[in-house]
């Protein structure tokens, strides 16, 4: 998702539009991959039969991880992306302002 957003930004889109378009483009592939993994793991998590009690905790852990990672990927990642982009813009503006006015810096020593 981030890679797609960066490519949109390189093409000239602002950060908000880039991550929005990337989320729309990557939503279905991310969801389908997670659902396929979830469906493949459910038989282990719900399994019965010989030695199922040994594999069931692993299946439950994987299912739980998939269920938690889905909201993190789809909601938290774009928010973090926007915050880091805004932080990078602020730092760039600060450095540009300092480079334009190097005589304003006061050095004590």
PDB file of N, CA and C in Angstrom:
ATOM      1  N   UNK A   1       0.825  -1.179   0.000  1.00  0.00           N
ATOM      2  CA  UNK A   1       0.000   0.000   0.000  1.00  0.00           C
ATOM      3  C   UNK A   1       0.879   1.256   0.000  1.00  0.00           C
ATOM      4  N   UNK A   2       1.916   1.247   0.824  1.00  0.00           N
ATOM      5  CA  UNK A   2       2.811   2.396   0.902  1.00  0.00           C
ATOM      6  C   UNK A   2       3.562   2.578  -0.412  1.00  0.00           C
ATOM      7  N   UNK A   3       3.979   1.469  -1.010  1.00  0.00           N
ATOM      8  CA  UNK A   3       4.693   1.543  -2.280  1.00  0.00           C
ATOM      9  C   UNK A   3       3.824   2.185  -3.357  1.00  0.00           C
ATOM     10  N   UNK A   4       2.566   1.826  -3.389  1.00  0.00           N
ATOM     11  CA  UNK A   4       1.637   2.412  -4.363  1.00  0.00           C
ATOM     12  C   UNK A   4       1.440   3.896  -4.071  1.00  0.00           C
ATOM     13  N   UNK A   5       1.322   4.255  -2.794  1.00  0.00           N
ATOM     14  CA  UNK A   5       1.156   5.665  -2.427  1.00  0.00           C
ATOM     15  C   UNK A   5       2.388   6.475  -2.825  1.00  0.00           C
ATOM     16  N   UNK A   6       3.562   5.911  -2.617  1.00  0.00           N
ATOM     17  CA  UNK A   6       4.784   6.619  -3.006  1.00  0.00           C
ATOM     18  C   UNK A   6       4.861   6.813  -4.515  1.00  0.00           C
ATOM     19  N   UNK A   7       4.416   5.826  -5.267  1.00  0.00           N
ATOM     20  CA  UNK A   7       4.434   5.990  -6.726  1.00  0.00           C
ATOM     21  C   UNK A   7       3.436   7.063  -7.168  1.00  0.00           C
ATOM     22  N   UNK A   8       2.289   7.151  -6.499  1.00  0.00           N
ATOM     23  CA  UNK A   8       1.343   8.222  -6.809  1.00  0.00           C
ATOM     24  C   UNK A   8       1.933   9.588  -6.453  1.00  0.00           C
ATOM     25  N   UNK A   9       2.668   9.647  -5.334  1.00  0.00           N
ATOM     26  CA  UNK A   9       3.283  10.912  -4.942  1.00  0.00           C
ATOM     27  C   UNK A   9       4.364  11.325  -5.930  1.00  0.00           C
ATOM     28  N   UNK A  10       5.146  10.364  -6.403  1.00  0.00           N
ATOM     29  CA  UNK A  10       6.166  10.677  -7.405  1.00  0.00           C
ATOM     30  C   UNK A  10       5.534  11.197  -8.693  1.00  0.00           C
ATOM     31  N   UNK A  11       4.305  10.774  -8.952  1.00  0.00           N
ATOM     32  CA  UNK A  11       3.582  11.247 -10.139  1.00  0.00           C
ATOM     33  C   UNK A  11       2.964  12.627  -9.924  1.00  0.00           C
ATOM     34  N   UNK A  12       3.086  13.162  -8.698  1.00  0.00           N
ATOM     35  CA  UNK A  12       2.623  14.520  -8.441  1.00  0.00           C
ATOM     36  C   UNK A  12       1.408  14.658  -7.548  1.00  0.00           C
ATOM     37  N   UNK A  13       0.876  13.566  -7.042  1.00  0.00           N
ATOM     38  CA  UNK A  13      -0.308  13.646  -6.176  1.00  0.00           C
ATOM     39  C   UNK A  13       0.105  14.060  -4.766  1.00  0.00           C
ATOM     40  N   UNK A  14      -0.715  14.847  -4.071  1.00  0.00           N
ATOM     41  CA  UNK A  14      -0.432  15.151  -2.665  1.00  0.00           C
ATOM     42  C   UNK A  14      -0.562  13.887  -1.807  1.00  0.00           C
ATOM     43  N   UNK A  15       0.020  13.925  -0.619  1.00  0.00           N
ATOM     44  CA  UNK A  15       0.081  12.734   0.240  1.00  0.00           C
ATOM     45  C   UNK A  15      -1.305  12.180   0.555  1.00  0.00           C
ATOM     46  N   UNK A  16      -2.261  13.049   0.867  1.00  0.00           N
ATOM     47  CA  UNK A  16      -3.599  12.583   1.225  1.00  0.00           C
ATOM     48  C   UNK A  16      -4.265  11.855   0.063  1.00  0.00           C
ATOM     49  N   UNK A  17      -4.163  12.440  -1.115  1.00  0.00           N
ATOM     50  CA  UNK A  17      -4.765  11.804  -2.288  1.00  0.00           C
ATOM     51  C   UNK A  17      -4.033  10.512  -2.645  1.00  0.00           C
ATOM     52  N   UNK A  18      -2.713  10.524  -2.504  1.00  0.00           N
ATOM     53  CA  UNK A  18      -1.915   9.344  -2.852  1.00  0.00           C
ATOM     54  C   UNK A  18      -2.270   8.154  -1.970  1.00  0.00           C
ATOM     55  N   UNK A  19      -2.370   8.362  -0.659  1.00  0.00           N
ATOM     56  CA  UNK A  19      -2.672   7.234   0.234  1.00  0.00           C
ATOM     57  C   UNK A  19      -4.126   6.805   0.061  1.00  0.00           C
ATOM     58  N   UNK A  20      -5.018   7.744  -0.221  1.00  0.00           N
ATOM     59  CA  UNK A  20      -6.421   7.382  -0.451  1.00  0.00           C
ATOM     60  C   UNK A  20      -6.554   6.498  -1.693  1.00  0.00           C
ATOM     61  N   UNK A  21      -5.913   6.905  -2.768  1.00  0.00           N
ATOM     62  CA  UNK A  21      -5.959   6.103  -3.996  1.00  0.00           C
ATOM     63  C   UNK A  21      -5.288   4.752  -3.796  1.00  0.00           C
ATOM     64  N   UNK A  22      -4.187   4.737  -3.042  1.00  0.00           N
ATOM     65  CA  UNK A  22      -3.491   3.473  -2.780  1.00  0.00           C
ATOM     66  C   UNK A  22      -4.362   2.536  -1.952  1.00  0.00           C
ATOM     67  N   UNK A  23      -5.074   3.076  -0.967  1.00  0.00           N
ATOM     68  CA  UNK A  23      -5.971   2.244  -0.152  1.00  0.00           C
ATOM     69  C   UNK A  23      -7.087   1.655  -1.006  1.00  0.00           C
ATOM     70  N   UNK A  24      -7.654   2.468  -1.871  1.00  0.00           N
ATOM     71  CA  UNK A  24      -8.715   1.962  -2.742  1.00  0.00           C
ATOM     72  C   UNK A  24      -8.192   0.879  -3.684  1.00  0.00           C
ATOM     73  N   UNK A  25      -6.980   1.067  -4.169  1.00  0.00           N
ATOM     74  CA  UNK A  25      -6.414   0.113  -5.113  1.00  0.00           C
ATOM     75  C   UNK A  25      -5.991  -1.194  -4.433  1.00  0.00           C
ATOM     76  N   UNK A  26      -5.481  -1.114  -3.212  1.00  0.00           N
ATOM     77  CA  UNK A  26      -4.927  -2.290  -2.547  1.00  0.00           C
ATOM     78  C   UNK A  26      -5.893  -2.968  -1.580  1.00  0.00           C
ATOM     79  N   UNK A  27      -7.080  -2.396  -1.334  1.00  0.00           N
ATOM     80  CA  UNK A  27      -8.013  -2.967  -0.362  1.00  0.00           C
ATOM     81  C   UNK A  27      -8.385  -4.406  -0.701  1.00  0.00           C
ATOM     82  N   UNK A  28      -8.838  -4.625  -1.907  1.00  0.00           N
ATOM     83  CA  UNK A  28      -9.289  -5.967  -2.289  1.00  0.00           C
ATOM     84  C   UNK A  28      -8.163  -6.998  -2.244  1.00  0.00           C
ATOM     85  N   UNK A  29      -6.977  -6.736  -2.814  1.00  0.00           N
ATOM     86  CA  UNK A  29      -5.913  -7.742  -2.719  1.00  0.00           C
ATOM     87  C   UNK A  29      -5.499  -8.059  -1.279  1.00  0.00           C
ATOM     88  N   UNK A  30      -5.444  -7.048  -0.430  1.00  0.00           N
ATOM     89  CA  UNK A  30      -5.082  -7.286   0.972  1.00  0.00           C
ATOM     90  C   UNK A  30      -6.152  -8.131   1.648  1.00  0.00           C
ATOM     91  N   UNK A  31      -7.410  -7.777   1.431  1.00  0.00           N
ATOM     92  CA  UNK A  31      -8.513  -8.516   2.039  1.00  0.00           C
ATOM     93  C   UNK A  31      -8.570  -9.956   1.535  1.00  0.00           C
ATOM     94  N   UNK A  32      -8.411 -10.156   0.246  1.00  0.00           N
ATOM     95  CA  UNK A  32      -8.472 -11.509  -0.321  1.00  0.00           C
ATOM     96  C   UNK A  32      -7.324 -12.385   0.183  1.00  0.00           C
ATOM     97  N   UNK A  33      -6.138 -11.819   0.304  1.00  0.00           N
ATOM     98  CA  UNK A  33      -4.999 -12.581   0.822  1.00  0.00           C
ATOM     99  C   UNK A  33      -5.242 -13.001   2.262  1.00  0.00           C
ATOM    100  N   UNK A  34      -5.722 -12.075   3.078  1.00  0.00           N
ATOM    101  CA  UNK A  34      -5.986 -12.402   4.481  1.00  0.00           C
ATOM    102  C   UNK A  34      -7.111 -13.419   4.620  1.00  0.00           C
ATOM    103  N   UNK A  35      -8.158 -13.275   3.819  1.00  0.00           N
ATOM    104  CA  UNK A  35      -9.261 -14.239   3.889  1.00  0.00           C
ATOM    105  C   UNK A  35      -8.830 -15.626   3.436  1.00  0.00           C
ATOM    106  N   UNK A  36      -7.980 -15.707   2.423  1.00  0.00           N
ATOM    107  CA  UNK A  36      -7.481 -17.008   1.975  1.00  0.00           C
ATOM    108  C   UNK A  36      -6.643 -17.668   3.065  1.00  0.00           C
ATOM    109  N   UNK A  37      -5.793 -16.885   3.712  1.00  0.00           N
ATOM    110  CA  UNK A  37      -4.991 -17.433   4.811  1.00  0.00           C
ATOM    111  C   UNK A  37      -5.883 -17.846   5.977  1.00  0.00           C
ATOM    112  N   UNK A  38      -6.899 -17.049   6.258  1.00  0.00           N
ATOM    113  CA  UNK A  38      -7.829 -17.360   7.345  1.00  0.00           C
ATOM    114  C   UNK A  38      -8.594 -18.648   7.064  1.00  0.00           C
ATOM    115  N   UNK A  39      -9.092 -18.800   5.850  1.00  0.00           N
ATOM    116  CA  UNK A  39      -9.829 -20.018   5.495  1.00  0.00           C
ATOM    117  C   UNK A  39      -8.926 -21.249   5.524  1.00  0.00           C
ATOM    118  N   UNK A  40      -7.675 -21.065   5.198  1.00  0.00           N
ATOM    119  CA  UNK A  40      -6.741 -22.189   5.258  1.00  0.00           C
ATOM    120  C   UNK A  40      -6.365 -22.572   6.675  1.00  0.00           C
ATOM    121  N   UNK A  41      -6.448 -21.624   7.588  1.00  0.00           N
ATOM    122  CA  UNK A  41      -6.053 -21.869   8.976  1.00  0.00           C
ATOM    123  C   UNK A  41      -7.225 -22.305   9.848  1.00  0.00           C
ATOM    124  N   UNK A  42      -8.439 -21.981   9.472  1.00  0.00           N
ATOM    125  CA  UNK A  42      -9.606 -22.346  10.285  1.00  0.00           C
ATOM    126  C   UNK A  42      -9.719 -23.847  10.558  1.00  0.00           C
ATOM    127  N   UNK A  43      -9.457 -24.729   9.601  1.00  0.00           N
ATOM    128  CA  UNK A  43      -9.532 -26.158   9.930  1.00  0.00           C
ATOM    129  C   UNK A  43      -8.560 -26.577  11.035  1.00  0.00           C
ATOM    130  N   UNK A  44      -7.403 -25.939  11.090  1.00  0.00           N
ATOM    131  CA  UNK A  44      -6.452 -26.249  12.163  1.00  0.00           C
ATOM    132  C   UNK A  44      -6.982 -25.723  13.490  1.00  0.00           C
ATOM    133  N   UNK A  45      -7.536 -24.501  13.479  1.00  0.00           N
ATOM    134  CA  UNK A  45      -8.033 -23.899  14.717  1.00  0.00           C
ATOM    135  C   UNK A  45      -9.272 -24.613  15.240  1.00  0.00           C
ATOM    136  N   UNK A  46     -10.112 -25.120  14.355  1.00  0.00           N
ATOM    137  CA  UNK A  46     -11.350 -25.778  14.764  1.00  0.00           C
ATOM    138  C   UNK A  46     -11.255 -27.295  14.705  1.00  0.00           C
ATOM    139  N   UNK A  47     -10.090 -27.792  14.350  1.00  0.00           N
ATOM    140  CA  UNK A  47      -9.918 -29.212  14.071  1.00  0.00           C
ATOM    141  C   UNK A  47     -10.228 -30.138  15.231  1.00  0.00           C
ATOM    142  N   UNK A  48     -10.560 -31.344  14.849  1.00  0.00           N
ATOM    143  CA  UNK A  48     -10.763 -32.414  15.822  1.00  0.00           C
ATOM    144  C   UNK A  48     -10.103 -33.656  15.245  1.00  0.00           C
ATOM    145  N   UNK A  49      -9.934 -34.633  16.071  1.00  0.00           N
ATOM    146  CA  UNK A  49      -9.310 -35.864  15.595  1.00  0.00           C
ATOM    147  C   UNK A  49      -7.966 -36.086  16.256  1.00  0.00           C
ATOM    148  N   UNK A  50      -7.210 -36.985  15.655  1.00  0.00           N
ATOM    149  CA  UNK A  50      -5.920 -37.369  16.230  1.00  0.00           C
ATOM    150  C   UNK A  50      -4.964 -36.180  16.256  1.00  0.00           C
ATOM    151  N   UNK A  51      -4.403 -35.932  17.398  1.00  0.00           N
ATOM    152  CA  UNK A  51      -3.419 -34.875  17.686  1.00  0.00           C
ATOM    153  C   UNK A  51      -3.918 -33.465  17.367  1.00  0.00           C
ATOM    154  N   UNK A  52      -5.230 -33.270  17.279  1.00  0.00           N
ATOM    155  CA  UNK A  52      -5.771 -31.931  17.028  1.00  0.00           C
ATOM    156  C   UNK A  52      -5.500 -31.009  18.207  1.00  0.00           C
ATOM    157  N   UNK A  53      -5.465 -31.567  19.417  1.00  0.00           N
ATOM    158  CA  UNK A  53      -5.223 -30.732  20.597  1.00  0.00           C
ATOM    159  C   UNK A  53      -3.816 -30.136  20.596  1.00  0.00           C
ATOM    160  N   UNK A  54      -2.907 -30.727  19.826  1.00  0.00           N
ATOM    161  CA  UNK A  54      -1.557 -30.174  19.737  1.00  0.00           C
ATOM    162  C   UNK A  54      -1.472 -29.038  18.716  1.00  0.00           C
ATOM    163  N   UNK A  55      -2.243 -29.127  17.662  1.00  0.00           N
ATOM    164  CA  UNK A  55      -2.188 -28.116  16.595  1.00  0.00           C
ATOM    165  C   UNK A  55      -3.187 -26.984  16.786  1.00  0.00           C
ATOM    166  N   UNK A  56      -4.208 -27.209  17.560  1.00  0.00           N
ATOM    167  CA  UNK A  56      -5.265 -26.214  17.719  1.00  0.00           C
ATOM    168  C   UNK A  56      -4.757 -24.877  18.279  1.00  0.00           C
ATOM    169  N   UNK A  57      -3.892 -24.845  19.294  1.00  0.00           N
ATOM    170  CA  UNK A  57      -3.406 -23.541  19.777  1.00  0.00           C
ATOM    171  C   UNK A  57      -2.663 -22.744  18.700  1.00  0.00           C
ATOM    172  N   UNK A  58      -1.913 -23.428  17.858  1.00  0.00           N
ATOM    173  CA  UNK A  58      -1.234 -22.741  16.762  1.00  0.00           C
ATOM    174  C   UNK A  58      -2.250 -22.133  15.795  1.00  0.00           C
ATOM    175  N   UNK A  59      -3.272 -22.888  15.454  1.00  0.00           N
ATOM    176  CA  UNK A  59      -4.309 -22.384  14.552  1.00  0.00           C
ATOM    177  C   UNK A  59      -5.042 -21.189  15.131  1.00  0.00           C
ATOM    178  N   UNK A  60      -5.349 -21.248  16.418  1.00  0.00           N
ATOM    179  CA  UNK A  60      -6.037 -20.132  17.076  1.00  0.00           C
ATOM    180  C   UNK A  60      -5.148 -18.888  17.075  1.00  0.00           C
ATOM    181  N   UNK A  61      -3.852 -19.072  17.330  1.00  0.00           N
ATOM    182  CA  UNK A  61      -2.928 -17.934  17.328  1.00  0.00           C
ATOM    183  C   UNK A  61      -2.821 -17.304  15.939  1.00  0.00           C
ATOM    184  N   UNK A  62      -2.760 -18.124  14.915  1.00  0.00           N
ATOM    185  CA  UNK A  62      -2.662 -17.597  13.549  1.00  0.00           C
ATOM    186  C   UNK A  62      -3.948 -16.873  13.164  1.00  0.00           C
ATOM    187  N   UNK A  63      -5.095 -17.443  13.486  1.00  0.00           N
ATOM    188  CA  UNK A  63      -6.376 -16.793  13.183  1.00  0.00           C
ATOM    189  C   UNK A  63      -6.468 -15.459  13.920  1.00  0.00           C
ATOM    190  N   UNK A  64      -6.087 -15.439  15.186  1.00  0.00           N
ATOM    191  CA  UNK A  64      -6.102 -14.185  15.946  1.00  0.00           C
ATOM    192  C   UNK A  64      -5.175 -13.143  15.344  1.00  0.00           C
ATOM    193  N   UNK A  65      -3.996 -13.569  14.927  1.00  0.00           N
ATOM    194  CA  UNK A  65      -3.061 -12.644  14.293  1.00  0.00           C
ATOM    195  C   UNK A  65      -3.593 -12.076  12.995  1.00  0.00           C
ATOM    196  N   UNK A  66      -4.239 -12.911  12.209  1.00  0.00           N
ATOM    197  CA  UNK A  66      -4.828 -12.432  10.955  1.00  0.00           C
ATOM    198  C   UNK A  66      -5.960 -11.443  11.215  1.00  0.00           C
ATOM    199  N   UNK A  67      -6.767 -11.713  12.225  1.00  0.00           N
ATOM    200  CA  UNK A  67      -7.883 -10.816  12.538  1.00  0.00           C
ATOM    201  C   UNK A  67      -7.404  -9.474  13.087  1.00  0.00           C
ATOM    202  N   UNK A  68      -6.280  -9.468  13.793  1.00  0.00           N
ATOM    203  CA  UNK A  68      -5.737  -8.218  14.330  1.00  0.00           C
ATOM    204  C   UNK A  68      -4.968  -7.448  13.256  1.00  0.00           C
ATOM    205  N   UNK A  69      -4.252  -8.169  12.408  1.00  0.00           N
ATOM    206  CA  UNK A  69      -3.429  -7.487  11.405  1.00  0.00           C
ATOM    207  C   UNK A  69      -4.262  -6.800  10.328  1.00  0.00           C
ATOM    208  N   UNK A  70      -5.447  -7.288  10.073  1.00  0.00           N
ATOM    209  CA  UNK A  70      -6.297  -6.703   9.035  1.00  0.00           C
ATOM    210  C   UNK A  70      -6.656  -5.246   9.340  1.00  0.00           C
ATOM    211  N   UNK A  71      -7.221  -4.930  10.516  1.00  0.00           N
ATOM    212  CA  UNK A  71      -7.498  -3.516  10.815  1.00  0.00           C
ATOM    213  C   UNK A  71      -6.228  -2.675  10.895  1.00  0.00           C
ATOM    214  N   UNK A  72      -5.151  -3.248  11.418  1.00  0.00           N
ATOM    215  CA  UNK A  72      -3.905  -2.487  11.480  1.00  0.00           C
ATOM    216  C   UNK A  72      -3.432  -2.110  10.083  1.00  0.00           C
ATOM    217  N   UNK A  73      -3.480  -3.049   9.180  1.00  0.00           N
ATOM    218  CA  UNK A  73      -3.026  -2.788   7.816  1.00  0.00           C
ATOM    219  C   UNK A  73      -3.920  -1.775   7.120  1.00  0.00           C
ATOM    220  N   UNK A  74      -5.206  -1.908   7.272  1.00  0.00           N
ATOM    221  CA  UNK A  74      -6.133  -1.084   6.501  1.00  0.00           C
ATOM    222  C   UNK A  74      -6.406   0.293   7.101  1.00  0.00           C
ATOM    223  N   UNK A  75      -6.254   0.447   8.410  1.00  0.00           N
ATOM    224  CA  UNK A  75      -6.592   1.717   9.039  1.00  0.00           C
ATOM    225  C   UNK A  75      -5.392   2.439   9.641  1.00  0.00           C
ATOM    226  N   UNK A  76      -4.546   1.724  10.344  1.00  0.00           N
ATOM    227  CA  UNK A  76      -3.443   2.370  11.052  1.00  0.00           C
ATOM    228  C   UNK A  76      -2.308   2.747  10.099  1.00  0.00           C
ATOM    229  N   UNK A  77      -2.004   1.895   9.134  1.00  0.00           N
ATOM    230  CA  UNK A  77      -0.898   2.175   8.216  1.00  0.00           C
ATOM    231  C   UNK A  77      -1.094   3.488   7.450  1.00  0.00           C
ATOM    232  N   UNK A  78      -2.268   3.768   6.879  1.00  0.00           N
ATOM    233  CA  UNK A  78      -2.433   5.062   6.200  1.00  0.00           C
ATOM    234  C   UNK A  78      -2.294   6.264   7.136  1.00  0.00           C
ATOM    235  N   UNK A  79      -2.757   6.120   8.369  1.00  0.00           N
ATOM    236  CA  UNK A  79      -2.642   7.222   9.329  1.00  0.00           C
ATOM    237  C   UNK A  79      -1.174   7.494   9.641  1.00  0.00           C
ATOM    238  N   UNK A  80      -0.415   6.438   9.889  1.00  0.00           N
ATOM    239  CA  UNK A  80       1.015   6.602  10.167  1.00  0.00           C
ATOM    240  C   UNK A  80       1.719   7.201   8.955  1.00  0.00           C
ATOM    241  N   UNK A  81       1.339   6.775   7.770  1.00  0.00           N
ATOM    242  CA  UNK A  81       1.927   7.323   6.542  1.00  0.00           C
ATOM    243  C   UNK A  81       1.699   8.828   6.456  1.00  0.00           C
ATOM    244  N   UNK A  82       0.478   9.266   6.713  1.00  0.00           N
ATOM    245  CA  UNK A  82       0.181  10.699   6.634  1.00  0.00           C
ATOM    246  C   UNK A  82       0.938  11.491   7.692  1.00  0.00           C
ATOM    247  N   UNK A  83       1.025  10.958   8.909  1.00  0.00           N
ATOM    248  CA  UNK A  83       1.769  11.655   9.959  1.00  0.00           C
ATOM    249  C   UNK A  83       3.247  11.771   9.617  1.00  0.00           C
ATOM    250  N   UNK A  84       3.843  10.718   9.091  1.00  0.00           N
ATOM    251  CA  UNK A  84       5.261  10.792   8.744  1.00  0.00           C
ATOM    252  C   UNK A  84       5.486  11.735   7.563  1.00  0.00           C
ATOM    253  N   UNK A  85       4.553  11.784   6.626  1.00  0.00           N
ATOM    254  CA  UNK A  85       4.677  12.726   5.514  1.00  0.00           C
ATOM    255  C   UNK A  85       4.595  14.166   6.015  1.00  0.00           C
ATOM    256  N   UNK A  86       3.673  14.443   6.928  1.00  0.00           N
ATOM    257  CA  UNK A  86       3.555  15.795   7.471  1.00  0.00           C
ATOM    258  C   UNK A  86       4.791  16.164   8.284  1.00  0.00           C
ATOM    259  N   UNK A  87       5.334  15.207   9.029  1.00  0.00           N
ATOM    260  CA  UNK A  87       6.559  15.451   9.788  1.00  0.00           C
ATOM    261  C   UNK A  87       7.723  15.742   8.845  1.00  0.00           C
ATOM    262  N   UNK A  88       7.841  14.981   7.770  1.00  0.00           N
ATOM    263  CA  UNK A  88       8.916  15.203   6.802  1.00  0.00           C
ATOM    264  C   UNK A  88       8.778  16.570   6.134  1.00  0.00           C
ATOM    265  N   UNK A  89       7.551  16.979   5.817  1.00  0.00           N
ATOM    266  CA  UNK A  89       7.337  18.304   5.224  1.00  0.00           C
ATOM    267  C   UNK A  89       7.728  19.409   6.198  1.00  0.00           C
ATOM    268  N   UNK A  90       7.381  19.251   7.467  1.00  0.00           N
ATOM    269  CA  UNK A  90       7.739  20.246   8.476  1.00  0.00           C
ATOM    270  C   UNK A  90       9.243  20.365   8.651  1.00  0.00           C
ATOM    271  N   UNK A  91       9.927  19.236   8.675  1.00  0.00           N
ATOM    272  CA  UNK A  91      11.386  19.255   8.810  1.00  0.00           C
ATOM    273  C   UNK A  91      12.018  19.903   7.586  1.00  0.00           C
ATOM    274  N   UNK A  92      11.494  19.593   6.412  1.00  0.00           N
ATOM    275  CA  UNK A  92      12.030  20.187   5.182  1.00  0.00           C
ATOM    276  C   UNK A  92      11.841  21.698   5.180  1.00  0.00           C
ATOM    277  N   UNK A  93      10.662  22.169   5.598  1.00  0.00           N
ATOM    278  CA  UNK A  93      10.430  23.616   5.669  1.00  0.00           C
ATOM    279  C   UNK A  93      11.377  24.279   6.653  1.00  0.00           C
ATOM    280  N   UNK A  94      11.599  23.638   7.796  1.00  0.00           N
ATOM    281  CA  UNK A  94      12.503  24.183   8.804  1.00  0.00           C
ATOM    282  C   UNK A  94      13.924  24.276   8.263  1.00  0.00           C
ATOM    283  N   UNK A  95      14.384  23.229   7.603  1.00  0.00           N
ATOM    284  CA  UNK A  95      15.734  23.242   7.042  1.00  0.00           C
ATOM    285  C   UNK A  95      15.858  24.249   5.907  1.00  0.00           C
ATOM    286  N   UNK A  96      14.826  24.387   5.094  1.00  0.00           N
ATOM    287  CA  UNK A  96      14.849  25.383   4.022  1.00  0.00           C
ATOM    288  C   UNK A  96      14.906  26.798   4.588  1.00  0.00           C
ATOM    289  N   UNK A  97      14.144  27.050   5.639  1.00  0.00           N
ATOM    290  CA  UNK A  97      14.148  28.375   6.260  1.00  0.00           C
ATOM    291  C   UNK A  97      15.512  28.686   6.861  1.00  0.00           C
ATOM    292  N   UNK A  98      16.133  27.707   7.469  1.00  0.00           N
ATOM    293  CA  UNK A  98      17.463  27.924   8.053  1.00  0.00           C
ATOM    294  C   UNK A  98      18.514  28.144   6.975  1.00  0.00           C
ATOM    295  N   UNK A  99      18.403  27.446   5.859  1.00  0.00           N
ATOM    296  CA  UNK A  99      19.402  27.613   4.801  1.00  0.00           C
ATOM    297  C   UNK A  99      19.239  28.956   4.084  1.00  0.00           C
ATOM    298  N   UNK A 100      18.037  29.513   4.065  1.00  0.00           N
ATOM    299  CA  UNK A 100      17.815  30.817   3.443  1.00  0.00           C
ATOM    300  C   UNK A 100      18.326  31.960   4.306  1.00  0.00           C
ATOM    301  N   UNK A 101      18.342  31.766   5.618  1.00  0.00           N
ATOM    302  CA  UNK A 101      18.753  32.815   6.546  1.00  0.00           C
ATOM    303  C   UNK A 101      19.853  32.296   7.469  1.00  0.00           C
ATOM    304  N   UNK A 102      21.044  32.009   6.939  1.00  0.00           N
ATOM    305  CA  UNK A 102      22.089  31.452   7.801  1.00  0.00           C
ATOM    306  C   UNK A 102      22.628  32.467   8.799  1.00  0.00           C
ATOM    307  N   UNK A 103      22.486  33.765   8.547  1.00  0.00           N
ATOM    308  CA  UNK A 103      23.000  34.780   9.466  1.00  0.00           C
ATOM    309  C   UNK A 103      22.146  34.946  10.702  1.00  0.00           C
ATOM    310  N   UNK A 104      20.940  34.426  10.693  1.00  0.00           N
ATOM    311  CA  UNK A 104      20.046  34.564  11.843  1.00  0.00           C
ATOM    312  C   UNK A 104      20.421  33.649  12.994  1.00  0.00           C
ATOM    313  N   UNK A 105      21.212  32.643  12.718  1.00  0.00           N
ATOM    314  CA  UNK A 105      21.583  31.700  13.769  1.00  0.00           C
ATOM    315  C   UNK A 105      22.571  32.365  14.715  1.00  0.00           C
ATOM    316  N   UNK A 106      22.316  32.245  15.992  1.00  0.00           N
ATOM    317  CA  UNK A 106      23.201  32.806  17.008  1.00  0.00           C
ATOM    318  C   UNK A 106      23.993  31.670  17.615  1.00  0.00           C
ATOM    319  N   UNK A 107      25.297  31.823  17.595  1.00  0.00           N
ATOM    320  CA  UNK A 107      26.167  30.786  18.153  1.00  0.00           C
ATOM    321  C   UNK A 107      26.869  31.373  19.360  1.00  0.00           C
ATOM    322  N   UNK A 108      26.678  30.757  20.499  1.00  0.00           N
ATOM    323  CA  UNK A 108      27.334  31.183  21.734  1.00  0.00           C
ATOM    324  C   UNK A 108      28.513  30.272  21.981  1.00  0.00           C
ATOM    325  N   UNK A 109      29.598  30.827  22.389  1.00  0.00           N
ATOM    326  CA  UNK A 109      30.706  29.914  22.658  1.00  0.00           C
ATOM    327  C   UNK A 109      31.958  30.563  23.057  1.00  0.00           C
TER     328      UNK A 109
END
